[in-house]
């Protein structure tokens, strides 16, 4: 998982990675959360979903959020962020 989640895309990647590493199927998570698989996949892509959908999916996966001070981004975080933007601009 990422050190810090600063963007919706970071959250989505972290959720997808956790789900895959723990062999949780999208169908099973969505059913347990009472949400559609489409909502789960939107979340994993970093797209907008409701806050209640986010919490239902996290709860279904046995996860929760913790808040902490953001501090300055690390060099790795900055490189990853700008690499993602360059990829988007190249497309």
C-alpha atoms as a PDB file:
ATOM      1  CA  UNK A   1       0.000   0.000   0.000  1.00  0.00           C
ATOM      2  CA  UNK A   2       1.017   3.603  -0.477  1.00  0.00           C
ATOM      3  CA  UNK A   3       2.598   5.532   2.379  1.00  0.00           C
ATOM      4  CA  UNK A   4       0.071   8.347   2.150  1.00  0.00           C
ATOM      5  CA  UNK A   5      -3.095   8.684   0.161  1.00  0.00           C
ATOM      6  CA  UNK A   6      -3.364  12.183  -1.223  1.00  0.00           C
ATOM      7  CA  UNK A   7      -5.566  11.738  -4.297  1.00  0.00           C
ATOM      8  CA  UNK A   8      -8.680   9.754  -5.201  1.00  0.00           C
ATOM      9  CA  UNK A   9      -6.518   7.722  -7.593  1.00  0.00           C
ATOM     10  CA  UNK A  10      -4.191   6.805  -4.708  1.00  0.00           C
ATOM     11  CA  UNK A  11      -7.140   5.609  -2.643  1.00  0.00           C
ATOM     12  CA  UNK A  12      -8.509   3.601  -5.542  1.00  0.00           C
ATOM     13  CA  UNK A  13      -5.177   1.908  -6.219  1.00  0.00           C
ATOM     14  CA  UNK A  14      -4.750   1.095  -2.524  1.00  0.00           C
ATOM     15  CA  UNK A  15      -8.233  -0.434  -2.291  1.00  0.00           C
ATOM     16  CA  UNK A  16      -7.784  -2.456  -5.487  1.00  0.00           C
ATOM     17  CA  UNK A  17      -4.353  -3.655  -4.363  1.00  0.00           C
ATOM     18  CA  UNK A  18      -5.651  -4.688  -0.942  1.00  0.00           C
ATOM     19  CA  UNK A  19      -8.613  -6.503  -2.472  1.00  0.00           C
ATOM     20  CA  UNK A  20      -6.407  -8.396  -4.928  1.00  0.00           C
ATOM     21  CA  UNK A  21      -3.710  -9.247  -2.371  1.00  0.00           C
ATOM     22  CA  UNK A  22      -6.356 -10.641  -0.041  1.00  0.00           C
ATOM     23  CA  UNK A  23      -8.094 -12.547  -2.842  1.00  0.00           C
ATOM     24  CA  UNK A  24     -11.388 -10.730  -2.350  1.00  0.00           C
ATOM     25  CA  UNK A  25     -13.557 -10.875  -5.451  1.00  0.00           C
ATOM     26  CA  UNK A  26     -15.188  -7.669  -6.652  1.00  0.00           C
ATOM     27  CA  UNK A  27     -18.574  -9.398  -6.670  1.00  0.00           C
ATOM     28  CA  UNK A  28     -18.194 -10.602  -3.071  1.00  0.00           C
ATOM     29  CA  UNK A  29     -17.060  -7.178  -1.788  1.00  0.00           C
ATOM     30  CA  UNK A  30     -19.818  -5.353  -3.662  1.00  0.00           C
ATOM     31  CA  UNK A  31     -22.483  -7.774  -2.411  1.00  0.00           C
ATOM     32  CA  UNK A  32     -21.281  -7.556   1.186  1.00  0.00           C
ATOM     33  CA  UNK A  33     -21.219  -3.746   0.915  1.00  0.00           C
ATOM     34  CA  UNK A  34     -24.688  -3.652  -0.600  1.00  0.00           C
ATOM     35  CA  UNK A  35     -23.292  -1.764  -3.597  1.00  0.00           C
ATOM     36  CA  UNK A  36     -22.906  -2.595  -7.264  1.00  0.00           C
ATOM     37  CA  UNK A  37     -19.682  -3.913  -8.710  1.00  0.00           C
ATOM     38  CA  UNK A  38     -19.689  -0.780 -10.920  1.00  0.00           C
ATOM     39  CA  UNK A  39     -19.445   1.433  -7.828  1.00  0.00           C
ATOM     40  CA  UNK A  40     -16.517  -0.627  -6.522  1.00  0.00           C
ATOM     41  CA  UNK A  41     -14.709  -0.393  -9.855  1.00  0.00           C
ATOM     42  CA  UNK A  42     -15.333   3.366 -10.047  1.00  0.00           C
ATOM     43  CA  UNK A  43     -13.809   3.716  -6.579  1.00  0.00           C
ATOM     44  CA  UNK A  44     -10.796   1.589  -7.566  1.00  0.00           C
ATOM     45  CA  UNK A  45     -10.225   3.833 -10.623  1.00  0.00           C
ATOM     46  CA  UNK A  46     -10.277   6.941  -8.432  1.00  0.00           C
ATOM     47  CA  UNK A  47     -13.593   8.169  -9.804  1.00  0.00           C
ATOM     48  CA  UNK A  48     -16.258   9.900  -7.731  1.00  0.00           C
ATOM     49  CA  UNK A  49     -18.454   7.763  -5.523  1.00  0.00           C
ATOM     50  CA  UNK A  50     -20.508   8.802  -2.532  1.00  0.00           C
ATOM     51  CA  UNK A  51     -18.893   8.894   0.882  1.00  0.00           C
ATOM     52  CA  UNK A  52     -21.416   6.343   2.116  1.00  0.00           C
ATOM     53  CA  UNK A  53     -20.433   3.996  -0.749  1.00  0.00           C
ATOM     54  CA  UNK A  54     -16.767   4.413   0.187  1.00  0.00           C
ATOM     55  CA  UNK A  55     -17.449   3.514   3.812  1.00  0.00           C
ATOM     56  CA  UNK A  56     -19.707   0.594   2.909  1.00  0.00           C
ATOM     57  CA  UNK A  57     -16.983  -0.861   0.675  1.00  0.00           C
ATOM     58  CA  UNK A  58     -14.236  -0.296   3.252  1.00  0.00           C
ATOM     59  CA  UNK A  59     -16.399  -1.910   5.938  1.00  0.00           C
ATOM     60  CA  UNK A  60     -17.092  -4.897   3.670  1.00  0.00           C
ATOM     61  CA  UNK A  61     -13.332  -5.350   3.244  1.00  0.00           C
ATOM     62  CA  UNK A  62     -12.651  -5.021   6.974  1.00  0.00           C
ATOM     63  CA  UNK A  63     -10.918  -1.651   6.554  1.00  0.00           C
ATOM     64  CA  UNK A  64     -11.310   1.838   8.018  1.00  0.00           C
ATOM     65  CA  UNK A  65      -9.762   5.268   7.504  1.00  0.00           C
ATOM     66  CA  UNK A  66      -7.378   7.091   9.817  1.00  0.00           C
ATOM     67  CA  UNK A  67      -6.677  10.810   9.503  1.00  0.00           C
ATOM     68  CA  UNK A  68      -3.209  12.251   9.959  1.00  0.00           C
ATOM     69  CA  UNK A  69      -1.390  15.440   9.067  1.00  0.00           C
ATOM     70  CA  UNK A  70      -0.322  15.338   5.436  1.00  0.00           C
ATOM     71  CA  UNK A  71       3.094  16.945   5.739  1.00  0.00           C
ATOM     72  CA  UNK A  72       5.161  17.506   2.629  1.00  0.00           C
ATOM     73  CA  UNK A  73       4.992  14.961  -0.186  1.00  0.00           C
ATOM     74  CA  UNK A  74       8.040  12.759  -0.555  1.00  0.00           C
ATOM     75  CA  UNK A  75      10.188  12.907  -3.680  1.00  0.00           C
ATOM     76  CA  UNK A  76       8.767   9.532  -4.730  1.00  0.00           C
ATOM     77  CA  UNK A  77       5.194  10.810  -4.328  1.00  0.00           C
ATOM     78  CA  UNK A  78       5.965  13.892  -6.427  1.00  0.00           C
ATOM     79  CA  UNK A  79       7.645  11.855  -9.155  1.00  0.00           C
ATOM     80  CA  UNK A  80       4.717   9.446  -9.263  1.00  0.00           C
ATOM     81  CA  UNK A  81       2.188  12.302  -9.357  1.00  0.00           C
ATOM     82  CA  UNK A  82       3.890  14.098 -12.231  1.00  0.00           C
ATOM     83  CA  UNK A  83       4.569  10.859 -14.116  1.00  0.00           C
ATOM     84  CA  UNK A  84       0.828  10.145 -13.990  1.00  0.00           C
ATOM     85  CA  UNK A  85       0.086  13.617 -15.389  1.00  0.00           C
ATOM     86  CA  UNK A  86       2.643  13.164 -18.195  1.00  0.00           C
ATOM     87  CA  UNK A  87       0.994   9.837 -19.097  1.00  0.00           C
ATOM     88  CA  UNK A  88      -2.416  11.562 -19.227  1.00  0.00           C
ATOM     89  CA  UNK A  89      -1.070  14.359 -21.441  1.00  0.00           C
ATOM     90  CA  UNK A  90       0.567  11.866 -23.837  1.00  0.00           C
ATOM     91  CA  UNK A  91      -2.732  10.073 -24.451  1.00  0.00           C
END
